[in-house]
N, C-alpha and C. Protein backbone atom coordinates (compact mmCIF):
# COMPACT_ATOMS: atom_id res chain seq x y z
N MET A 1 165.70 55.61 89.97
CA MET A 1 166.40 55.55 91.25
C MET A 1 165.30 54.28 91.68
N TYR A 2 164.16 54.68 91.85
CA TYR A 2 163.37 54.21 92.14
C TYR A 2 163.44 52.27 91.70
N LEU A 3 163.48 52.15 90.19
CA LEU A 3 163.48 50.92 89.31
C LEU A 3 164.20 50.32 89.52
N PRO A 4 164.46 48.99 88.63
CA PRO A 4 165.59 48.07 89.03
C PRO A 4 166.16 48.88 87.48
N GLY A 5 167.35 48.89 87.28
CA GLY A 5 167.35 48.98 85.60
C GLY A 5 167.36 48.47 84.48
N LYS A 6 167.04 46.61 84.43
CA LYS A 6 166.46 46.19 83.73
C LYS A 6 164.92 46.57 83.70
N LEU A 7 164.25 47.68 83.89
CA LEU A 7 162.87 47.84 83.32
C LEU A 7 163.40 49.16 82.70
N ILE A 8 164.58 49.92 83.31
CA ILE A 8 164.22 51.25 81.74
C ILE A 8 164.84 51.08 80.61
N PRO A 9 164.61 51.02 79.28
CA PRO A 9 165.30 50.51 78.23
C PRO A 9 166.11 51.92 78.27
N GLU A 10 167.02 51.28 77.07
CA GLU A 10 168.04 52.31 76.57
C GLU A 10 167.55 54.16 76.36
N ASN A 11 166.77 53.85 75.80
CA ASN A 11 166.10 54.95 74.75
C ASN A 11 165.17 55.40 75.40
N ILE A 12 164.17 56.44 76.25
CA ILE A 12 163.18 56.49 76.80
C ILE A 12 162.32 56.91 75.77
N TYR A 13 162.79 57.87 74.83
CA TYR A 13 162.10 58.52 74.09
C TYR A 13 162.02 57.41 73.22
N ASP A 14 162.41 56.79 72.77
CA ASP A 14 161.74 56.41 71.51
C ASP A 14 160.58 54.93 71.68
N MET A 15 159.98 54.82 73.50
CA MET A 15 159.49 53.72 73.90
C MET A 15 158.01 54.76 73.39
N PRO A 16 157.43 53.75 73.06
CA PRO A 16 155.69 54.22 73.36
C PRO A 16 155.03 54.54 74.59
N PHE A 17 154.92 56.12 74.24
CA PHE A 17 153.59 56.78 75.43
C PHE A 17 153.21 55.71 76.50
N GLU A 18 152.76 54.61 76.50
CA GLU A 18 151.80 54.19 77.48
C GLU A 18 152.94 53.48 78.28
N ASP A 19 153.82 52.84 77.25
CA ASP A 19 154.48 52.08 77.70
C ASP A 19 155.61 53.02 79.29
N PHE A 20 155.81 53.99 78.78
CA PHE A 20 156.36 55.32 79.72
C PHE A 20 155.46 56.08 81.01
N LEU A 21 153.73 55.79 80.50
CA LEU A 21 153.15 55.97 81.74
C LEU A 21 153.22 54.49 83.20
N LYS A 22 153.69 53.42 82.39
CA LYS A 22 153.48 52.98 82.95
C LYS A 22 154.52 51.91 83.94
N LEU A 23 155.84 53.05 83.40
CA LEU A 23 156.81 53.03 83.77
C LEU A 23 156.75 53.81 85.11
N LEU A 24 156.31 55.25 84.62
CA LEU A 24 156.00 56.28 85.77
C LEU A 24 155.06 55.55 87.12
N ALA A 25 153.86 55.50 86.94
CA ALA A 25 153.22 54.81 87.46
C ALA A 25 154.01 53.85 88.52
N MET A 26 154.78 52.78 87.91
CA MET A 26 156.27 51.63 89.15
C MET A 26 156.76 52.23 89.52
N ALA A 27 157.48 53.31 88.93
CA ALA A 27 158.55 54.12 90.04
C ALA A 27 157.86 55.12 90.79
N GLU A 28 156.30 55.15 90.71
CA GLU A 28 155.51 55.98 92.07
C GLU A 28 155.48 55.27 92.88
N ILE A 29 154.42 53.77 93.11
CA ILE A 29 154.62 53.35 93.29
C ILE A 29 155.90 53.29 94.58
N ALA A 30 157.30 52.77 93.64
CA ALA A 30 157.86 51.61 94.84
C ALA A 30 158.73 53.17 95.61
N ARG A 31 158.40 54.51 95.22
CA ARG A 31 158.67 55.69 95.49
C ARG A 31 158.38 55.98 96.86
N ASP A 32 156.59 55.44 96.82
CA ASP A 32 155.83 55.89 97.76
C ASP A 32 156.23 54.06 98.56
N LEU A 33 156.20 53.51 98.13
CA LEU A 33 156.61 51.91 99.80
C LEU A 33 157.83 52.50 99.92
N ARG A 34 158.82 52.81 99.14
CA ARG A 34 160.65 53.65 100.04
C ARG A 34 160.31 54.56 101.33
N ILE A 35 159.22 55.37 101.09
CA ILE A 35 158.72 56.44 101.96
C ILE A 35 158.11 55.50 102.77
N GLU A 36 157.18 54.85 102.65
CA GLU A 36 156.29 53.74 103.83
C GLU A 36 157.24 53.08 104.77
N ASP A 37 158.14 52.36 104.37
CA ASP A 37 159.17 52.11 104.79
C ASP A 37 160.38 52.65 105.73
N ILE A 38 160.29 53.97 105.35
CA ILE A 38 162.05 54.75 105.95
C ILE A 38 160.73 55.24 107.19
N GLU A 39 159.38 55.74 107.38
CA GLU A 39 158.24 55.84 108.29
C GLU A 39 158.50 55.60 108.83
N VAL A 40 157.34 53.75 109.28
CA VAL A 40 157.66 52.87 109.57
C VAL A 40 159.34 52.52 110.85
N GLY A 41 160.19 52.57 109.52
CA GLY A 41 161.90 52.03 110.84
C GLY A 41 161.97 53.63 111.76
N VAL A 42 161.84 54.85 111.38
CA VAL A 42 161.75 55.77 111.99
C VAL A 42 161.12 55.48 113.45
N ASN A 43 159.64 55.41 113.29
CA ASN A 43 158.87 55.22 114.20
C ASN A 43 158.68 54.24 115.35
N LYS A 44 159.70 52.72 114.35
CA LYS A 44 160.12 51.46 115.59
C LYS A 44 161.19 52.12 116.42
N GLY A 45 161.98 52.65 115.59
CA GLY A 45 163.08 53.37 115.92
C GLY A 45 162.91 54.15 117.63
N TYR A 46 161.91 55.23 117.28
CA TYR A 46 161.43 55.44 118.29
C TYR A 46 160.55 55.55 119.55
N VAL A 47 159.90 54.35 119.28
CA VAL A 47 159.07 53.23 119.93
C VAL A 47 160.38 52.44 121.39
N GLU A 48 161.20 51.69 120.68
CA GLU A 48 162.72 51.57 121.50
C GLU A 48 163.19 52.32 121.56
N ALA A 49 163.84 53.38 121.70
CA ALA A 49 164.34 54.91 122.70
C ALA A 49 163.27 54.79 123.83
N HIS A 50 162.51 55.70 123.31
CA HIS A 50 161.65 55.74 124.10
C HIS A 50 160.67 54.54 124.57
N PRO A 51 160.87 53.91 125.53
CA PRO A 51 159.53 52.75 126.09
C PRO A 51 158.29 53.34 126.22
N ASP A 52 157.08 52.50 126.50
CA ASP A 52 156.65 53.64 127.79
C ASP A 52 156.69 52.76 129.37
N SER A 53 156.94 53.97 130.11
CA SER A 53 156.91 53.50 131.25
C SER A 53 155.59 52.88 132.54
N GLN A 54 154.66 52.85 131.79
CA GLN A 54 153.39 52.27 132.12
C GLN A 54 153.61 50.57 132.36
């Protein structure tokens, strides 16, 4: 879900364990970045919807 299909081999079970761990780490980083993007978007939307009246 978080990585482009080109990075994922057809058969994950045949890949070396180190490569699997690298793939897993990339997916976790991509997930964290996506969550951060959502948080920033929500915060920006809130600020635009509720501007400071000072």
